[in-house]
Protein backbone atom coordinates (compact mmCIF):
# COMPACT_ATOMS: atom_id res chain seq x y z
CA UNK A 1 126.98 40.24 -29.78
CA UNK A 2 125.74 43.67 -30.12
CA UNK A 3 122.12 44.48 -30.96
CA UNK A 4 119.96 48.08 -31.04
CA UNK A 5 119.97 47.64 -26.99
CA UNK A 6 123.71 49.48 -27.76
CA UNK A 7 126.96 48.74 -25.91
CA UNK A 8 128.24 50.15 -23.03
CA UNK A 9 130.23 53.21 -24.67
CA UNK A 10 126.88 53.95 -26.69
CA UNK A 11 124.39 54.85 -23.72
CA UNK A 12 124.32 58.25 -22.55
CA UNK A 13 125.49 58.72 -18.39
CA UNK A 14 123.18 58.50 -16.09
CA UNK A 15 121.65 56.06 -13.66
CA UNK A 16 122.20 52.25 -15.09
CA UNK A 17 121.17 49.00 -13.85
CA UNK A 18 124.59 47.52 -12.64
CA UNK A 19 122.28 44.27 -10.36
CA UNK A 20 120.16 41.65 -12.34
CA UNK A 21 117.70 39.43 -10.92
CA UNK A 22 116.87 37.29 -14.28
CA UNK A 23 114.59 34.47 -12.90
CA UNK A 24 113.51 32.00 -13.08
CA UNK A 25 109.48 33.06 -13.00
CA UNK A 26 108.06 31.64 -9.66
CA UNK A 27 110.87 31.54 -7.55
CA UNK A 28 110.29 34.49 -5.54
CA UNK A 29 111.83 37.37 -7.86
CA UNK A 30 108.68 39.56 -6.89
CA UNK A 31 109.37 38.68 -3.28
CA UNK A 32 113.34 39.79 -3.76
CA UNK A 33 112.04 42.96 -5.68
CA UNK A 34 109.88 44.14 -2.98
CA UNK A 35 112.88 43.85 -0.36
CA UNK A 36 115.02 46.13 -3.10
CA UNK A 37 112.08 48.59 -3.12
CA UNK A 38 112.03 48.35 0.73
CA UNK A 39 116.09 48.92 0.94
CA UNK A 40 117.30 52.80 0.68
CA UNK A 41 120.48 51.37 -0.85
CA UNK A 42 118.59 49.79 -3.80
CA UNK A 43 116.81 51.33 -6.81
CA UNK A 44 114.47 50.27 -9.17
CA UNK A 45 112.73 51.35 -12.31
CA UNK A 46 109.96 53.93 -12.10
CA UNK A 47 107.07 52.38 -13.32
CA UNK A 48 107.16 48.59 -12.89
CA UNK A 49 108.88 45.59 -11.40
CA UNK A 50 109.63 43.47 -14.90
CA UNK A 51 111.28 45.35 -18.17
CA UNK A 52 112.07 42.59 -20.07
CA UNK A 53 114.04 44.73 -22.05
CA UNK A 54 116.99 42.66 -23.02
CA UNK A 55 114.52 39.54 -23.99
CA UNK A 56 112.42 42.01 -26.09
CA UNK A 57 112.97 40.10 -29.62
CA UNK A 58 112.05 36.80 -28.25
CA UNK A 59 109.28 37.88 -26.12
CA UNK A 60 107.56 39.46 -29.03
CA UNK A 61 107.94 36.59 -30.92
CA UNK A 62 105.15 34.66 -28.90
CA UNK A 63 102.07 36.69 -28.57
CA UNK A 64 100.02 34.28 -29.80
CA UNK A 65 98.33 32.61 -26.55
CA UNK A 66 95.78 33.88 -24.06
CA UNK A 67 96.42 36.96 -22.64
CA UNK A 68 99.64 37.08 -24.93
CA UNK A 69 97.87 40.23 -26.59
CA UNK A 70 98.98 42.39 -23.46
CA UNK A 71 103.32 41.60 -23.59
CA UNK A 72 103.70 44.19 -26.28
CA UNK A 73 102.68 47.10 -23.88
CA UNK A 74 103.99 45.38 -20.61
CA UNK A 75 107.72 45.54 -21.57
CA UNK A 76 110.29 47.92 -22.51
CA UNK A 77 111.32 48.08 -26.46
CA UNK A 78 114.31 50.82 -26.88
CA UNK A 79 117.25 51.91 -25.07
CA UNK A 80 116.28 55.58 -24.62
CA UNK A 81 112.97 53.98 -22.82
CA UNK A 82 115.09 51.67 -20.22
CA UNK A 83 117.11 54.70 -19.38
CA UNK A 84 114.31 56.71 -18.81
CA UNK A 85 112.77 53.95 -16.31
CA UNK A 86 116.01 54.69 -14.11
CA UNK A 87 116.64 58.45 -14.54
CA UNK A 88 115.01 59.63 -11.56
CA UNK A 89 117.46 57.07 -9.26
CA UNK A 90 120.53 58.71 -7.59
CA UNK A 91 123.40 57.45 -9.99
CA UNK A 92 125.80 56.96 -6.30
CA UNK A 93 123.16 54.07 -5.34
CA UNK A 94 125.36 50.89 -4.69
CA UNK A 95 122.89 49.03 -6.65
CA UNK A 96 120.46 49.94 -9.63
CA UNK A 97 118.08 46.87 -10.28
CA UNK A 98 116.61 45.30 -13.14
CA UNK A 99 114.25 42.65 -12.23
CA UNK A 100 112.78 40.53 -15.45
CA UNK A 101 112.93 36.65 -14.72
CA UNK A 102 112.29 36.57 -18.52
CA UNK A 103 116.61 37.21 -18.82
CA UNK A 104 117.22 33.48 -17.58
CA UNK A 105 115.36 31.14 -20.11
CA UNK A 106 115.95 33.65 -22.92
CA UNK A 107 119.32 32.31 -23.69
CA UNK A 108 120.42 35.95 -25.72
CA UNK A 109 119.18 38.28 -22.75
CA UNK A 110 122.56 37.09 -21.12
CA UNK A 111 124.98 38.52 -23.89
CA UNK A 112 122.84 42.09 -24.28
CA UNK A 113 123.11 42.18 -20.47
CA UNK A 114 126.89 41.51 -20.80
CA UNK A 115 126.71 44.25 -23.80
CA UNK A 116 125.32 46.94 -21.98
CA UNK A 117 126.91 46.10 -18.50
CA UNK A 118 129.97 44.29 -18.32
CA UNK A 119 130.43 44.46 -14.80
CA UNK A 120 127.11 43.64 -13.71
CA UNK A 121 126.20 41.55 -10.58
CA UNK A 122 123.70 38.70 -11.49
CA UNK A 123 121.36 37.20 -9.28
CA UNK A 124 119.36 33.88 -10.25
CA UNK A 125 116.31 32.61 -8.17
CA UNK A 126 115.49 28.96 -8.89
CA UNK A 127 112.69 26.76 -7.39
CA UNK A 128 112.43 22.72 -7.45
CA UNK A 129 111.26 22.02 -10.90
CA UNK A 130 108.06 19.94 -10.35
CA UNK A 131 107.25 23.20 -7.96
CA UNK A 132 108.09 26.04 -10.37
CA UNK A 133 106.11 24.53 -13.39
CA UNK A 134 103.06 23.59 -11.34
CA UNK A 135 103.23 27.03 -9.36
CA UNK A 136 103.04 28.38 -13.56
CA UNK A 137 100.30 26.93 -14.58
CA UNK A 138 98.43 28.03 -11.53
CA UNK A 139 99.36 31.40 -12.12
CA UNK A 140 98.25 30.96 -15.62
CA UNK A 141 95.52 29.14 -14.39
CA UNK A 142 94.49 32.00 -11.94
CA UNK A 143 94.37 34.81 -14.67
CA UNK A 144 92.20 32.82 -16.81
CA UNK A 145 94.46 32.26 -19.58
CA UNK A 146 94.97 28.38 -19.05
CA UNK A 147 91.68 26.42 -19.24
CA UNK A 148 92.99 23.27 -19.63
CA UNK A 149 93.65 20.42 -16.62
CA UNK A 150 97.33 20.31 -15.74
CA UNK A 151 98.26 17.15 -17.44
CA UNK A 152 96.52 17.89 -20.81
CA UNK A 153 98.30 21.54 -20.97
CA UNK A 154 101.88 19.76 -20.41
CA UNK A 155 101.14 17.86 -23.33
CA UNK A 156 99.62 20.59 -25.69
CA UNK A 157 103.55 22.47 -24.89
CA UNK A 158 104.93 21.62 -27.76
CA UNK A 159 101.94 22.06 -29.85
CA UNK A 160 101.69 25.72 -28.39
CA UNK A 161 105.41 26.69 -28.82
CA UNK A 162 105.18 25.90 -32.39
CA UNK A 163 102.22 28.13 -32.82
CA UNK A 164 103.87 30.91 -31.21
CA UNK A 165 102.40 31.04 -27.29
CA UNK A 166 104.47 32.90 -24.69
CA UNK A 167 106.72 31.10 -22.71
CA UNK A 168 104.73 31.25 -19.51
CA UNK A 169 102.70 28.40 -21.34
CA UNK A 170 105.70 26.58 -21.88
CA UNK A 171 105.64 23.94 -18.62
CA UNK A 172 107.66 21.36 -20.01
CA UNK A 173 110.99 23.41 -20.24
CA UNK A 174 110.42 25.83 -17.68
CA UNK A 175 112.03 23.25 -15.38
CA UNK A 176 115.50 23.21 -17.11
CA UNK A 177 118.29 25.23 -15.39
CA UNK A 178 121.91 23.97 -15.77
CA UNK A 179 122.64 25.56 -19.54
CA UNK A 180 120.94 28.50 -18.66
CA UNK A 181 122.82 29.16 -15.19
CA UNK A 182 126.22 27.87 -17.14
CA UNK A 183 125.69 30.55 -19.26
CA UNK A 184 125.75 33.39 -16.88
CA UNK A 185 129.06 31.72 -15.00
CA UNK A 186 130.32 31.70 -18.35
CA UNK A 187 129.73 35.16 -19.44
CA UNK A 188 129.90 36.86 -15.86
CA UNK A 189 132.29 34.87 -13.88
CA UNK A 190 130.77 32.82 -10.81
CA UNK A 191 132.11 35.60 -8.33
CA UNK A 192 129.75 37.80 -9.94
CA UNK A 193 126.75 35.15 -10.28
CA UNK A 194 124.90 34.53 -7.26
CA UNK A 195 122.28 31.23 -6.88
CA UNK A 196 119.43 31.07 -4.35
CA UNK A 197 117.17 28.15 -3.72
CA UNK A 198 113.28 29.34 -3.43
CA UNK A 199 113.00 26.75 -0.66
CA UNK A 200 115.89 27.65 1.49
CA UNK A 201 114.98 31.48 1.50
CA UNK A 202 111.60 30.36 2.39
CA UNK A 203 112.83 28.25 4.89
CA UNK A 204 116.14 30.61 6.33
CA UNK A 205 115.81 34.20 5.05
CA UNK A 206 118.28 35.19 7.70
CA UNK A 207 120.97 33.18 5.68
CA UNK A 208 119.82 33.82 2.30
CA UNK A 209 119.91 37.75 3.35
CA UNK A 210 123.23 37.97 4.59
CA UNK A 211 124.01 36.11 0.95
CA UNK A 212 122.23 38.46 -0.57
CA UNK A 213 123.81 41.62 1.41
CA UNK A 214 127.28 40.32 1.04
CA UNK A 215 126.93 39.89 -2.52
CA UNK A 216 125.30 43.46 -3.27
CA UNK A 217 127.15 45.00 -0.61
CA UNK A 218 123.76 46.86 1.20
CA UNK A 219 121.64 45.73 3.75
CA UNK A 220 118.16 44.47 3.15
CA UNK A 221 115.18 44.76 5.73
CA UNK A 222 115.00 42.21 8.03
CA UNK A 223 112.24 39.63 7.98
CA UNK A 224 110.41 37.05 6.29
CA UNK A 225 110.98 36.65 2.60
CA UNK A 226 107.20 38.33 1.63
CA UNK A 227 104.66 36.62 0.18
CA UNK A 228 104.11 37.81 -3.12
CA UNK A 229 102.07 37.20 -6.50
CA UNK A 230 100.95 33.70 -4.89
CA UNK A 231 98.69 32.02 -7.15
CA UNK A 232 94.87 31.02 -6.59
CA UNK A 233 91.59 32.39 -7.32
CA UNK A 234 89.84 33.98 -4.56
CA UNK A 235 86.62 31.96 -3.61
CA UNK A 236 84.52 35.36 -2.77
CA UNK A 237 83.56 36.81 -6.07
CA UNK A 238 82.85 40.35 -3.87
CA UNK A 239 86.31 40.17 -2.60
CA UNK A 240 87.83 39.02 -5.95
CA UNK A 241 85.58 42.26 -7.19
CA UNK A 242 86.88 44.52 -4.47
CA UNK A 243 90.98 43.32 -4.40
CA UNK A 244 90.71 43.36 -8.07
CA UNK A 245 89.43 47.44 -8.36
CA UNK A 246 92.63 49.04 -9.55
CA UNK A 247 91.20 52.49 -8.21
CA UNK A 248 90.86 51.26 -4.91
CA UNK A 249 94.47 49.70 -4.94
CA UNK A 250 95.60 52.61 -6.51
CA UNK A 251 94.20 54.88 -3.23
CA UNK A 252 95.67 52.69 -1.01
CA UNK A 253 99.00 52.88 -2.42
CA UNK A 254 99.05 56.77 -2.26
CA UNK A 255 98.34 56.33 1.56
CA UNK A 256 99.60 53.68 3.08
CA UNK A 257 103.81 53.44 3.23
CA UNK A 258 105.40 50.51 0.80
CA UNK A 259 106.30 48.51 4.42
CA UNK A 260 102.84 48.58 6.01
CA UNK A 261 100.90 47.40 3.12
CA UNK A 262 103.79 44.65 2.43
CA UNK A 263 102.85 43.14 6.19
CA UNK A 264 98.99 43.62 5.08
CA UNK A 265 99.66 41.93 1.80
CA UNK A 266 100.74 38.93 3.81
CA UNK A 267 98.29 38.76 5.96
CA UNK A 268 95.73 39.33 3.71
CA UNK A 269 97.05 36.15 1.91
CA UNK A 270 96.99 33.96 4.86
CA UNK A 271 93.56 34.61 6.04
CA UNK A 272 91.19 35.19 2.51
CA UNK A 273 90.09 31.77 0.83
CA UNK A 274 91.34 31.22 -2.48
CA UNK A 275 91.06 27.47 -4.55
CA UNK A 276 93.73 26.73 -6.90
CA UNK A 277 94.26 23.11 -8.90
CA UNK A 278 96.13 20.31 -6.80
CA UNK A 279 99.10 18.19 -8.54
CA UNK A 280 98.25 14.23 -8.87
CA UNK A 281 100.78 12.29 -7.50
CA UNK A 282 100.87 10.64 -11.12
CA UNK A 283 101.97 13.85 -12.63
CA UNK A 284 104.42 14.80 -9.48
CA UNK A 285 106.25 11.64 -9.91
CA UNK A 286 106.40 12.37 -13.60
CA UNK A 287 107.68 15.55 -13.34
CA UNK A 288 110.35 14.24 -10.83
CA UNK A 289 111.67 12.03 -13.27
CA UNK A 290 111.50 14.44 -16.58
CA UNK A 291 114.09 16.91 -14.41
CA UNK A 292 116.12 14.49 -12.99
CA UNK A 293 119.17 14.45 -14.98
CA UNK A 294 118.64 18.49 -15.48
CA UNK A 295 118.50 18.89 -11.79
CA UNK A 296 122.04 16.54 -11.63
CA UNK A 297 123.89 18.48 -13.73
CA UNK A 298 123.05 21.88 -12.20
CA UNK A 299 124.06 20.46 -8.77
CA UNK A 300 127.11 19.35 -10.23
CA UNK A 301 127.45 22.95 -11.53
CA UNK A 302 126.62 24.73 -8.32
CA UNK A 303 128.98 21.82 -6.38
CA UNK A 304 126.40 21.20 -4.04
CA UNK A 305 123.18 19.10 -4.09
CA UNK A 306 119.43 21.03 -3.91
CA UNK A 307 117.07 18.42 -2.47
CA UNK A 308 115.32 18.43 -5.41
CA UNK A 309 116.27 14.92 -6.12
CA UNK A 310 114.48 11.96 -5.16
CA UNK A 311 116.48 9.27 -3.59
CA UNK A 312 115.94 6.49 -6.72
CA UNK A 313 116.78 9.04 -9.32
CA UNK A 314 119.95 9.90 -7.46
CA UNK A 315 121.15 6.35 -8.11
CA UNK A 316 120.50 6.04 -11.65
């Protein structure tokens, strides 16, 4: 499959991504991107974390929901602009990474990446589906785009998708992984795809880091997985205004090193009071049953358990 994104021979020489962190959303991709930015052996895009270039056609079809009008300005639309995002990097870096979580659950993106970079390595981050889709909901709620309670928003998913809302509102399909992981295995080969679980990364980042280092041939900085992009609304209106002030944020970025900003951010997340919705026991039970079959398919594909299944679902 080829399209206007081009083929390997169609692109000019220069720094090009050779590692793709393809998702899923709300599974730790922002935290991994921060570790990449702290590692001198890894290069990332110049202006933003997520370029979404290889899923651009699908994303552009879904801009009808609250906040979705910002999508066209947030993504890269041409190969020229995509390559320009990496032109500042040393071409000899062992890893040049594109971290765009929309690549996993928009199927055509996988083939476009393969056409662009046939020898690429792929990182897939996954999270227990119940936690993942509820975190997706909380993300939208925190930004003010989601107004319905979770149970009502869940039921509205099919209607919203028909109306052209973005995939961030598709809570029902957000926790299906098996077919998407298989697609990358089939296109790139298992030896060039590393699947990591968010729960394992947060519980034992040393082991996860060793896996990533071995897979990519780099040495990521030590320490726990940085806590980034956590959902929730700040309780204090004053603090919300201060922390949301982009001029102040830009000033902080200009004077504080990235490593120090990362440590401060983690400490702030632990001390600033936030509020967020709670997932009811009934909805948790419903979601576990909803995703159980797909999780069993994923475990068979990975050849190991995930720890996500309840005993009663595993017995069925």
